[in-house]
Amino acid sequence: MRYFLLGLALLAPGAARAETIYVSNEKGNSISVIDGATLQVTATWPVGKRARGIMLSRDGKFLYLCASDDNAVQVIDRATGKVVADLPSGEDPEQFALSPDGRMLFAANERDAAVTAIDVMKRSVAFQVAVGVEPEGMAVSPDGRTVVSTSETDNAVHWIDIATERDVAQTAVGDRPRHAEFTADGKALWVSSEIGGMVQVIDTASRQVTGTIRFDIPGVFPDKIMPVGIRFTPDQKRAIVALGRADHVAIVDVATQKVLSYVPVGRRVWHSAIDATGRRAFSANGLSDNVSVIDIAHGTVIATIPVGRAPWGVAIAP
């Protein structure tokens, strides 16, 4: 009983790590700042128009944010909440990815049908590569050699060799691919297909699809199951897949590629982030204007946090 109560205490919000959660609000043109211990919003920062993709800089000092209608990736000082720079990202950036060393940022430009590589220190465009129509999902391989982009209209993953600045290969995937995520060892790439209703696992050596994960939620029509964001726990044993208008996230066993459980969250869950302990996930629920806090081990929501209008992305900082 003593160990059981200790476990409950560790899962309680008041015993959580002193992390900060940042949520981009697409229609609110803002970032909601959440205290990880109290699970309360402590600040709301005004940012550019149509705030979507959000990520922490490698040194932890800044946030990067896609201000899509401002055609910029904004650099936000975490200490002040102020926008300190607009990086030249090309038109309509939605998602981006950082190189492992944090020196290069790669933004998907939906209207340009291109990926823009930005030198973060110089705050200038390093190069641009034409890819498929409506690029969205972005990921950089752990070895820093390859950046991938998903093209929603072309239903393909484009593989860009960073050294040569060329689109060197394409992999056909399901309808309307939205997000791409490398495993930590770089051996696999997971890609969600929103209209296809599935996540596909691609072997990075062959660039071939080797596995397909489908979702079946009791009481939810199949056309509502629209996978978008994917995040892995720090130990790489679990994946959290946001299922869009199904209003659920799926917890998936990475090794077996089997769904372990479905967790009902807010409406139109878009993306999520996982804390450093791997115990909690935070999902951005775009149509209910809130964030669900998920106990991953138990597959339950332990708190719901009101945020700004149309939350889209989540980033967590220690």
Protein backbone atom coordinates (compact mmCIF):
# COMPACT_ATOMS: atom_id res chain seq x y z
CA MET A 1 0.00 0.00 0.00
CA ARG A 2 2.87 2.39 0.83
CA TYR A 3 4.36 1.98 -2.66
CA PHE A 4 0.94 2.34 -4.27
CA LEU A 5 0.36 5.66 -2.47
CA LEU A 6 3.84 6.82 -3.42
CA GLY A 7 3.05 6.10 -7.07
CA LEU A 8 -0.14 8.13 -6.83
CA ALA A 9 1.78 11.00 -5.27
CA LEU A 10 4.30 11.01 -8.10
CA LEU A 11 1.47 11.22 -10.61
CA ALA A 12 -0.30 14.04 -8.77
CA PRO A 13 0.00 17.47 -10.45
CA GLY A 14 1.53 19.03 -7.34
CA ALA A 15 4.41 16.53 -7.39
CA ALA A 16 5.26 17.13 -11.04
CA ARG A 17 8.55 18.41 -12.33
CA ALA A 18 8.94 22.19 -12.58
CA GLU A 19 8.51 22.19 -16.33
CA THR A 20 6.91 24.86 -18.48
CA ILE A 21 4.49 23.96 -21.24
CA TYR A 22 4.01 26.29 -24.21
CA VAL A 23 0.92 26.04 -26.41
CA SER A 24 0.53 27.83 -29.74
CA ASN A 25 -2.99 29.14 -30.33
CA GLU A 26 -3.70 29.30 -34.05
CA LYS A 27 -6.72 31.62 -33.95
CA GLY A 28 -5.65 33.39 -30.78
CA ASN A 29 -2.35 34.57 -32.32
CA SER A 30 -0.80 33.78 -28.97
CA ILE A 31 1.16 31.36 -26.81
CA SER A 32 -0.29 30.07 -23.54
CA VAL A 33 2.34 29.46 -20.85
CA ILE A 34 1.48 26.67 -18.40
CA ASP A 35 3.25 25.86 -15.14
CA GLY A 36 3.96 22.12 -15.15
CA ALA A 37 3.60 21.78 -11.38
CA THR A 38 0.30 23.62 -10.87
CA LEU A 39 -1.11 23.01 -14.37
CA GLN A 40 -2.24 26.64 -14.46
CA VAL A 41 -1.80 29.16 -17.27
CA THR A 42 0.63 31.77 -15.95
CA ALA A 43 0.90 34.04 -19.01
CA THR A 44 -0.41 34.59 -22.51
CA TRP A 45 2.06 36.02 -25.01
CA PRO A 46 0.92 37.82 -28.17
CA VAL A 47 2.72 36.57 -31.28
CA GLY A 48 2.30 36.64 -35.05
CA LYS A 49 -0.74 35.66 -37.04
CA ARG A 50 -1.89 32.04 -37.19
CA ALA A 51 0.49 30.50 -34.64
CA ARG A 52 1.10 26.85 -35.44
CA GLY A 53 4.36 24.84 -35.24
CA ILE A 54 6.28 25.47 -32.02
CA MET A 55 9.62 24.14 -30.73
CA LEU A 56 12.26 24.87 -28.10
CA SER A 57 15.72 25.98 -29.23
CA ARG A 58 18.54 23.54 -28.49
CA ASP A 59 20.00 25.79 -25.78
CA GLY A 60 16.57 26.24 -24.20
CA LYS A 61 16.66 30.04 -24.31
CA PHE A 62 14.17 30.61 -27.11
CA LEU A 63 11.00 29.28 -28.66
CA TYR A 64 10.60 29.04 -32.41
CA LEU A 65 7.09 29.54 -33.74
CA CYS A 66 5.50 29.36 -37.19
CA ALA A 67 3.54 32.59 -37.65
CA SER A 68 2.02 31.27 -40.84
CA ASP A 69 0.10 34.35 -42.00
CA ASP A 70 3.15 36.53 -41.32
CA ASN A 71 5.32 34.24 -43.49
CA ALA A 72 7.89 33.93 -40.72
CA VAL A 73 9.31 31.67 -38.07
CA GLN A 74 9.44 33.87 -35.00
CA VAL A 75 12.14 33.71 -32.32
CA ILE A 76 10.69 34.30 -28.86
CA ASP A 77 12.77 35.02 -25.76
CA ARG A 78 11.53 32.66 -23.04
CA ALA A 79 12.64 35.05 -20.29
CA THR A 80 10.50 37.94 -21.52
CA GLY A 81 7.93 36.38 -23.86
CA LYS A 82 8.90 38.92 -26.51
CA VAL A 83 9.42 38.23 -30.22
CA VAL A 84 13.07 39.12 -30.85
CA ALA A 85 13.39 38.13 -34.52
CA ASP A 86 11.49 36.96 -37.56
CA LEU A 87 13.35 34.31 -39.55
CA PRO A 88 12.81 34.35 -43.33
CA SER A 89 10.90 31.11 -43.68
CA GLY A 90 9.18 31.50 -47.04
CA GLU A 91 5.42 31.66 -47.54
CA ASP A 92 2.95 30.09 -45.13
CA PRO A 93 5.21 28.01 -42.86
CA GLU A 94 3.22 25.46 -40.87
CA GLN A 95 5.79 23.10 -39.38
CA PHE A 96 9.57 23.08 -39.13
CA ALA A 97 12.41 20.97 -37.81
CA LEU A 98 15.76 21.78 -36.22
CA SER A 99 19.10 20.19 -36.97
CA PRO A 100 20.59 18.26 -34.02
CA ASP A 101 23.13 21.06 -33.39
CA GLY A 102 20.42 23.73 -33.58
CA ARG A 103 22.19 25.73 -36.27
CA MET A 104 19.78 25.06 -39.12
CA LEU A 105 16.01 25.29 -39.19
CA PHE A 106 13.98 23.74 -42.00
CA ALA A 107 10.52 25.17 -42.66
CA ALA A 108 7.77 23.73 -44.86
CA ASN A 109 6.26 26.39 -47.13
CA GLU A 110 2.79 25.34 -48.20
CA ARG A 111 2.25 28.00 -50.84
CA ASP A 112 5.81 27.80 -52.19
CA ALA A 113 5.79 23.98 -52.46
CA ALA A 114 9.30 24.18 -51.02
CA VAL A 115 11.41 23.65 -47.94
CA THR A 116 13.41 26.63 -46.76
CA ALA A 117 16.67 26.02 -44.87
CA ILE A 118 17.47 28.87 -42.48
CA ASP A 119 20.83 29.59 -40.87
CA VAL A 120 19.64 30.36 -37.33
CA MET A 121 22.73 32.33 -36.26
CA LYS A 122 22.83 34.46 -39.40
CA ARG A 123 19.04 34.66 -39.56
CA SER A 124 19.19 34.21 -43.30
CA VAL A 125 18.14 31.67 -45.92
CA ALA A 126 20.84 29.09 -46.55
CA PHE A 127 19.03 27.35 -49.42
CA GLN A 128 15.59 26.34 -50.65
CA VAL A 129 14.50 23.03 -52.17
CA ALA A 130 11.38 22.46 -54.28
CA VAL A 131 9.33 19.52 -53.01
CA GLY A 132 5.80 18.21 -53.50
CA VAL A 133 2.59 20.22 -53.35
CA GLU A 134 1.52 21.42 -49.87
CA PRO A 135 4.51 20.37 -47.78
CA GLU A 136 3.71 20.18 -44.09
CA GLY A 137 5.37 17.61 -41.84
CA MET A 138 9.10 18.16 -41.23
CA ALA A 139 11.76 16.08 -39.48
CA VAL A 140 15.57 15.95 -39.40
CA SER A 141 17.35 12.62 -39.00
CA PRO A 142 19.28 12.17 -35.73
CA ASP A 143 22.59 12.13 -37.64
CA GLY A 144 21.79 15.55 -39.14
CA ARG A 145 22.24 14.40 -42.73
CA THR A 146 18.67 14.23 -43.98
CA VAL A 147 15.56 16.34 -43.70
CA VAL A 148 12.19 14.94 -44.73
CA SER A 149 9.03 16.72 -45.78
CA THR A 150 5.53 15.31 -46.21
CA SER A 151 3.52 16.61 -49.17
CA GLU A 152 -0.21 16.54 -48.48
CA THR A 153 -1.40 16.70 -52.08
CA ASP A 154 1.25 14.38 -53.54
CA ASN A 155 0.84 11.79 -50.74
CA ALA A 156 4.60 11.39 -50.49
CA VAL A 157 7.58 11.82 -48.21
CA HIS A 158 10.45 13.77 -49.78
CA TRP A 159 13.99 12.99 -48.66
CA ILE A 160 16.37 15.96 -48.85
CA ASP A 161 20.13 15.45 -48.62
CA ILE A 162 21.34 18.43 -46.59
CA ALA A 163 24.94 18.34 -47.87
CA THR A 164 23.94 18.50 -51.53
CA GLU A 165 20.76 20.55 -50.94
CA ARG A 166 18.75 18.20 -53.16
CA ASP A 167 15.51 16.25 -53.01
CA VAL A 168 17.00 12.79 -53.60
CA ALA A 169 14.06 10.38 -53.15
CA GLN A 170 10.33 10.10 -52.53
CA THR A 171 8.32 7.48 -50.67
CA ALA A 172 4.62 7.04 -51.42
CA VAL A 173 2.43 7.08 -48.30
CA GLY A 174 -1.27 7.35 -47.42
CA ASP A 175 -3.65 10.18 -48.24
CA ARG A 176 -2.77 13.61 -46.88
CA PRO A 177 0.38 12.95 -44.80
CA ARG A 178 0.60 15.47 -42.00
CA HIS A 179 3.45 14.66 -39.63
CA ALA A 180 6.81 12.85 -39.68
CA GLU A 181 8.87 11.71 -36.69
CA PHE A 182 12.18 9.82 -36.62
CA THR A 183 12.88 7.25 -33.94
CA ALA A 184 15.85 8.19 -31.76
CA ASP A 185 18.15 5.66 -33.45
CA GLY A 186 17.27 7.04 -36.89
CA LYS A 187 16.32 3.61 -38.23
CA ALA A 188 12.63 4.35 -38.73
CA LEU A 189 10.42 7.25 -39.73
CA TRP A 190 6.79 7.34 -38.61
CA VAL A 191 4.38 9.26 -40.87
CA SER A 192 0.73 10.04 -40.18
CA SER A 193 -1.83 10.16 -42.98
CA GLU A 194 -4.81 12.25 -41.98
CA ILE A 195 -7.29 11.18 -44.66
CA GLY A 196 -5.75 7.71 -44.95
CA GLY A 197 -6.50 7.18 -41.24
CA MET A 198 -3.20 5.48 -40.50
CA VAL A 199 0.42 5.81 -39.44
CA GLN A 200 3.07 4.19 -41.63
CA VAL A 201 6.52 3.13 -40.49
CA ILE A 202 9.31 3.63 -43.02
CA ASP A 203 12.69 1.92 -42.91
CA THR A 204 15.17 4.77 -43.41
CA ALA A 205 17.83 2.59 -45.03
CA SER A 206 15.56 1.37 -47.84
CA ARG A 207 13.05 4.26 -47.66
CA GLN A 208 10.31 1.67 -47.95
CA VAL A 209 7.14 1.33 -45.86
CA THR A 210 7.55 -1.68 -43.56
CA GLY A 211 4.56 -1.30 -41.27
CA THR A 212 1.09 0.23 -41.10
CA ILE A 213 -0.80 1.13 -37.92
CA ARG A 214 -4.55 1.51 -38.20
CA PHE A 215 -6.98 2.73 -35.59
CA ASP A 216 -10.43 1.49 -34.55
CA ILE A 217 -12.18 3.36 -31.76
CA PRO A 218 -15.48 1.93 -30.52
CA GLY A 219 -18.31 4.37 -31.17
CA VAL A 220 -16.27 6.62 -33.47
CA PHE A 221 -16.92 6.68 -37.21
CA PRO A 222 -13.81 5.74 -39.22
CA ASP A 223 -13.91 8.99 -41.22
CA LYS A 224 -13.40 10.92 -37.97
CA ILE A 225 -10.12 9.11 -37.23
CA MET A 226 -7.58 11.53 -38.71
CA PRO A 227 -4.04 10.95 -37.40
CA VAL A 228 -1.87 14.05 -37.16
CA GLY A 229 0.84 14.57 -34.52
CA ILE A 230 3.18 11.80 -33.35
CA ARG A 231 5.47 11.92 -30.32
CA PHE A 232 7.69 9.24 -28.74
CA THR A 233 8.31 8.86 -25.02
CA PRO A 234 11.93 9.48 -23.95
CA ASP A 235 12.55 5.73 -23.61
CA GLN A 236 11.16 5.20 -27.14
CA LYS A 237 8.77 2.51 -25.90
CA ARG A 238 5.51 4.36 -26.54
CA ALA A 239 4.15 6.68 -29.20
CA ILE A 240 1.34 9.17 -28.66
CA VAL A 241 -0.67 9.69 -31.85
CA ALA A 242 -3.18 12.55 -32.02
CA LEU A 243 -6.27 11.37 -33.90
CA GLY A 244 -7.77 14.70 -34.93
CA ARG A 245 -11.56 14.80 -35.11
CA ALA A 246 -11.84 11.44 -33.40
CA ASP A 247 -11.19 13.44 -30.19
CA HIS A 248 -8.83 10.74 -28.93
CA VAL A 249 -5.13 10.03 -28.76
CA ALA A 250 -3.76 6.54 -29.28
CA ILE A 251 -1.01 5.10 -27.12
CA VAL A 252 1.03 2.76 -29.32
CA ASP A 253 3.70 0.20 -28.42
CA VAL A 254 6.66 1.14 -30.61
CA ALA A 255 8.25 -2.32 -30.75
CA THR A 256 5.10 -4.17 -31.80
CA GLN A 257 3.38 -1.25 -33.54
CA LYS A 258 0.16 -2.20 -31.75
CA VAL A 259 -2.33 0.21 -30.18
CA LEU A 260 -2.37 -0.26 -26.41
CA SER A 261 -5.20 2.12 -25.61
CA TYR A 262 -7.28 5.06 -26.76
CA VAL A 263 -7.65 8.11 -24.54
CA PRO A 264 -10.59 10.49 -25.03
CA VAL A 265 -9.42 14.10 -24.93
CA GLY A 266 -10.78 17.44 -26.16
CA ARG A 267 -12.18 18.19 -29.59
CA ARG A 268 -9.98 17.94 -32.71
CA VAL A 269 -6.73 17.02 -31.04
CA TRP A 270 -3.94 18.22 -33.29
CA HIS A 271 -0.53 17.78 -31.67
CA SER A 272 0.98 16.81 -28.32
CA ALA A 273 4.19 16.85 -26.32
CA ILE A 274 5.58 14.49 -23.68
CA ASP A 275 7.37 15.57 -20.51
CA ALA A 276 10.93 14.56 -19.67
CA THR A 277 9.81 11.77 -17.33
CA GLY A 278 7.72 10.13 -20.03
CA ARG A 279 4.78 10.00 -17.63
CA ARG A 280 2.60 12.80 -18.97
CA ALA A 281 1.52 13.98 -22.40
CA PHE A 282 -0.13 17.30 -23.17
CA SER A 283 -2.52 17.42 -26.13
CA ALA A 284 -3.65 20.57 -27.96
CA ASN A 285 -7.40 20.34 -28.58
CA GLY A 286 -8.16 22.82 -31.33
CA LEU A 287 -11.95 22.98 -31.22
CA SER A 288 -12.40 22.93 -27.44
CA ASP A 289 -9.72 25.55 -26.72
CA ASN A 290 -8.02 23.46 -24.08
CA VAL A 291 -5.14 21.10 -23.31
CA SER A 292 -5.61 17.59 -21.93
CA VAL A 293 -3.00 16.26 -19.49
CA ILE A 294 -2.63 12.52 -20.04
CA ASP A 295 -1.24 9.96 -17.60
CA ILE A 296 0.46 7.72 -20.16
CA ALA A 297 0.89 4.64 -17.94
CA HIS A 298 -2.80 4.53 -17.04
CA GLY A 299 -4.18 5.93 -20.31
CA THR A 300 -6.33 8.54 -18.58
CA VAL A 301 -6.78 12.31 -18.60
CA ILE A 302 -5.82 13.74 -15.21
CA ALA A 303 -6.46 17.42 -15.93
CA THR A 304 -7.90 19.77 -18.54
CA ILE A 305 -6.45 23.26 -18.95
CA PRO A 306 -8.26 26.12 -20.76
CA VAL A 307 -5.93 27.98 -23.14
CA GLY A 308 -6.33 30.36 -26.11
CA ARG A 309 -8.34 30.01 -29.29
CA ALA A 310 -7.63 26.93 -31.42
CA PRO A 311 -4.55 25.44 -29.72
CA TRP A 312 -2.34 23.78 -32.34
CA GLY A 313 1.12 22.80 -31.07
CA VAL A 314 2.84 22.06 -27.75
CA ALA A 315 6.44 22.41 -26.58
CA ILE A 316 7.85 21.59 -23.13
CA ALA A 317 10.90 23.15 -21.46
CA PRO A 318 12.59 22.11 -18.19
